[in-house]
């Protein structure tokens, strides 16, 4: 077993990438966007946190969360969210023998990727990366055209211009 360690900093902001177990040709997240939204709401009610930015793609999610002061437990939140979403879906996905032995569904990859945001520049770069992601993956030609993103909320607040992202922002290279 891998000795996997995560850094937990109370009240910090985090960038996450969370993937489906079967990514190729899988549209599960956007085809069930309302169930995913309910899973987020359910999780936030049980363990509050702020969603600073989010993009839901067919097979993965990127987001920035800020946890309450004194709280560093993002792992429990992801566990609750992934479980709530999985329970809301009909069974029928492929389940490996190791998952069966642990009574797990085959919806999500077991792990997720997190990055503690160090400063405002790091935060802004990851915010841009999140909003650029649907263009990067060629789901749309323009950031404003992807409906499963916090981008339009930031346009309404005047943080991004509506035409932002007509070209790839140079400051997001190397974020993966």
Protein backbone atom coordinates (compact mmCIF):
# COMPACT_ATOMS: atom_id res chain seq x y z
CA UNK A 1 0.00 0.00 0.00
CA UNK A 2 1.28 3.42 -0.89
CA UNK A 3 2.17 5.72 1.98
CA UNK A 4 -0.08 8.53 0.82
CA UNK A 5 0.00 11.77 2.78
CA UNK A 6 -2.05 14.90 2.44
CA UNK A 7 -1.32 18.30 3.90
CA UNK A 8 -4.20 19.70 5.94
CA UNK A 9 -4.25 23.43 6.69
CA UNK A 10 -7.28 24.80 8.56
CA UNK A 11 -9.20 27.50 6.71
CA UNK A 12 -7.10 27.17 3.54
CA UNK A 13 -8.15 27.32 -0.10
CA UNK A 14 -7.61 24.22 -2.21
CA UNK A 15 -7.64 23.32 -5.89
CA UNK A 16 -9.05 19.84 -6.57
CA UNK A 17 -9.31 17.48 -9.50
CA UNK A 18 -11.72 14.58 -9.05
CA UNK A 19 -12.12 11.97 -11.81
CA UNK A 20 -14.60 9.29 -12.70
CA UNK A 21 -13.23 5.73 -12.66
CA UNK A 22 -14.14 5.22 -16.32
CA UNK A 23 -13.24 8.43 -18.13
CA UNK A 24 -13.22 7.55 -21.82
CA UNK A 25 -16.50 8.49 -23.47
CA UNK A 26 -18.21 8.92 -20.10
CA UNK A 27 -20.70 11.81 -19.78
CA UNK A 28 -22.01 10.77 -16.38
CA UNK A 29 -21.38 14.05 -14.56
CA UNK A 30 -23.04 16.40 -17.03
CA UNK A 31 -25.82 13.92 -17.83
CA UNK A 32 -26.63 13.89 -14.10
CA UNK A 33 -25.76 17.49 -13.27
CA UNK A 34 -28.81 17.99 -11.05
CA UNK A 35 -27.90 14.94 -8.94
CA UNK A 36 -24.34 16.24 -8.67
CA UNK A 37 -25.60 19.66 -7.57
CA UNK A 38 -27.74 17.97 -4.91
CA UNK A 39 -24.68 16.02 -3.71
CA UNK A 40 -22.71 19.27 -3.40
CA UNK A 41 -25.59 20.92 -1.48
CA UNK A 42 -25.97 17.91 0.80
CA UNK A 43 -22.25 17.92 1.58
CA UNK A 44 -22.19 21.67 2.23
CA UNK A 45 -25.10 21.33 4.68
CA UNK A 46 -23.28 18.63 6.66
CA UNK A 47 -19.80 20.19 6.48
CA UNK A 48 -19.88 23.81 5.25
CA UNK A 49 -17.30 25.15 2.82
CA UNK A 50 -17.17 27.79 0.12
CA UNK A 51 -16.99 26.83 -3.55
CA UNK A 52 -14.86 29.60 -5.04
CA UNK A 53 -14.78 28.16 -8.57
CA UNK A 54 -15.96 24.99 -10.26
CA UNK A 55 -16.14 23.37 -13.66
CA UNK A 56 -17.91 20.09 -14.23
CA UNK A 57 -16.79 18.24 -17.32
CA UNK A 58 -18.31 14.97 -18.55
CA UNK A 59 -15.74 12.82 -16.74
CA UNK A 60 -14.06 15.02 -14.11
CA UNK A 61 -14.43 18.06 -11.87
CA UNK A 62 -12.02 20.87 -11.06
CA UNK A 63 -12.81 23.24 -8.23
CA UNK A 64 -11.45 25.58 -5.62
CA UNK A 65 -12.82 25.30 -2.11
CA UNK A 66 -12.13 27.44 0.91
CA UNK A 67 -12.71 25.68 4.21
CA UNK A 68 -13.98 27.39 7.36
CA UNK A 69 -11.43 28.76 9.78
CA UNK A 70 -10.18 26.00 12.04
CA UNK A 71 -11.34 23.24 9.65
CA UNK A 72 -9.01 21.31 7.36
CA UNK A 73 -11.02 18.18 6.58
CA UNK A 74 -11.59 18.28 2.84
CA UNK A 75 -11.26 14.48 2.58
CA UNK A 76 -14.46 13.86 4.53
CA UNK A 77 -16.27 16.36 2.33
CA UNK A 78 -15.16 14.59 -0.85
CA UNK A 79 -16.10 11.23 0.65
CA UNK A 80 -19.60 12.48 1.47
CA UNK A 81 -20.04 14.18 -1.90
CA UNK A 82 -18.86 11.20 -3.94
CA UNK A 83 -20.98 8.84 -1.85
CA UNK A 84 -24.12 10.98 -2.09
CA UNK A 85 -23.78 11.26 -5.86
CA UNK A 86 -23.09 7.53 -6.27
CA UNK A 87 -26.08 6.55 -4.12
CA UNK A 88 -28.36 8.71 -6.27
CA UNK A 89 -27.47 6.75 -9.43
CA UNK A 90 -28.86 3.42 -10.55
CA UNK A 91 -26.39 0.57 -10.29
CA UNK A 92 -24.99 -0.91 -13.46
CA UNK A 93 -21.44 0.36 -13.80
CA UNK A 94 -18.51 -2.02 -14.17
CA UNK A 95 -17.12 -2.89 -10.73
CA UNK A 96 -13.70 -4.48 -10.29
CA UNK A 97 -13.12 -7.43 -7.95
CA UNK A 98 -11.20 -5.23 -5.49
CA UNK A 99 -14.05 -2.74 -5.38
CA UNK A 100 -16.59 -5.54 -4.89
CA UNK A 101 -14.57 -6.89 -1.97
CA UNK A 102 -14.71 -3.43 -0.35
CA UNK A 103 -18.41 -2.99 -1.26
CA UNK A 104 -17.56 0.05 -3.42
CA UNK A 105 -19.26 1.27 -6.55
CA UNK A 106 -17.26 1.81 -9.71
CA UNK A 107 -18.15 5.46 -10.29
CA UNK A 108 -15.22 7.50 -8.97
CA UNK A 109 -11.48 7.06 -8.90
CA UNK A 110 -10.61 6.34 -5.29
CA UNK A 111 -8.26 9.24 -4.88
CA UNK A 112 -8.44 12.88 -5.86
CA UNK A 113 -5.74 15.44 -6.49
CA UNK A 114 -5.43 18.47 -4.23
CA UNK A 115 -3.17 21.48 -4.27
CA UNK A 116 -3.04 23.98 -1.41
CA UNK A 117 -3.17 27.46 -2.91
CA UNK A 118 -0.15 29.41 -1.69
CA UNK A 119 -0.98 33.02 -2.54
CA UNK A 120 -3.21 35.23 -4.68
CA UNK A 121 -1.22 34.56 -7.85
CA UNK A 122 -1.51 30.79 -7.38
CA UNK A 123 -5.23 31.18 -6.62
CA UNK A 124 -5.81 33.30 -9.75
CA UNK A 125 -3.86 30.90 -11.99
CA UNK A 126 -5.95 27.96 -10.81
CA UNK A 127 -9.16 29.96 -11.15
CA UNK A 128 -8.23 30.67 -14.78
CA UNK A 129 -7.30 27.03 -15.34
CA UNK A 130 -10.71 25.88 -14.08
CA UNK A 131 -12.59 28.21 -16.39
CA UNK A 132 -10.37 27.46 -19.39
CA UNK A 133 -10.69 23.68 -19.00
CA UNK A 134 -13.74 23.08 -21.25
CA UNK A 135 -11.89 24.82 -24.10
CA UNK A 136 -8.72 22.86 -23.34
CA UNK A 137 -10.66 19.61 -23.68
CA UNK A 138 -12.40 20.92 -26.83
CA UNK A 139 -15.94 20.74 -25.46
CA UNK A 140 -16.50 24.35 -26.54
CA UNK A 141 -14.63 27.00 -28.51
CA UNK A 142 -15.31 29.76 -26.00
CA UNK A 143 -15.22 29.68 -22.20
CA UNK A 144 -18.58 31.48 -21.98
CA UNK A 145 -20.31 28.65 -23.85
CA UNK A 146 -19.76 25.94 -21.21
CA UNK A 147 -22.84 25.83 -18.95
CA UNK A 148 -21.34 23.76 -16.10
CA UNK A 149 -18.92 26.35 -14.78
CA UNK A 150 -18.74 29.22 -12.32
CA UNK A 151 -17.42 31.45 -15.13
CA UNK A 152 -20.77 33.16 -15.83
CA UNK A 153 -21.12 34.08 -12.13
CA UNK A 154 -17.76 35.84 -12.31
CA UNK A 155 -18.79 37.64 -15.50
CA UNK A 156 -21.92 38.92 -13.70
CA UNK A 157 -19.72 40.15 -10.83
CA UNK A 158 -17.43 41.97 -13.29
CA UNK A 159 -14.39 39.83 -12.42
CA UNK A 160 -14.05 38.33 -15.90
CA UNK A 161 -15.10 40.00 -19.15
CA UNK A 162 -17.52 37.82 -21.14
CA UNK A 163 -14.98 37.34 -23.93
CA UNK A 164 -12.21 36.22 -21.54
CA UNK A 165 -10.41 33.11 -22.72
CA UNK A 166 -10.64 33.70 -26.45
CA UNK A 167 -6.99 32.60 -26.34
CA UNK A 168 -5.30 30.36 -23.80
CA UNK A 169 -4.13 32.38 -20.78
CA UNK A 170 -0.35 32.11 -20.62
CA UNK A 171 -0.25 31.94 -16.83
CA UNK A 172 -1.98 28.54 -16.64
CA UNK A 173 0.67 26.51 -18.44
CA UNK A 174 1.95 23.65 -16.33
CA UNK A 175 -1.16 23.30 -14.12
CA UNK A 176 -2.34 19.71 -14.21
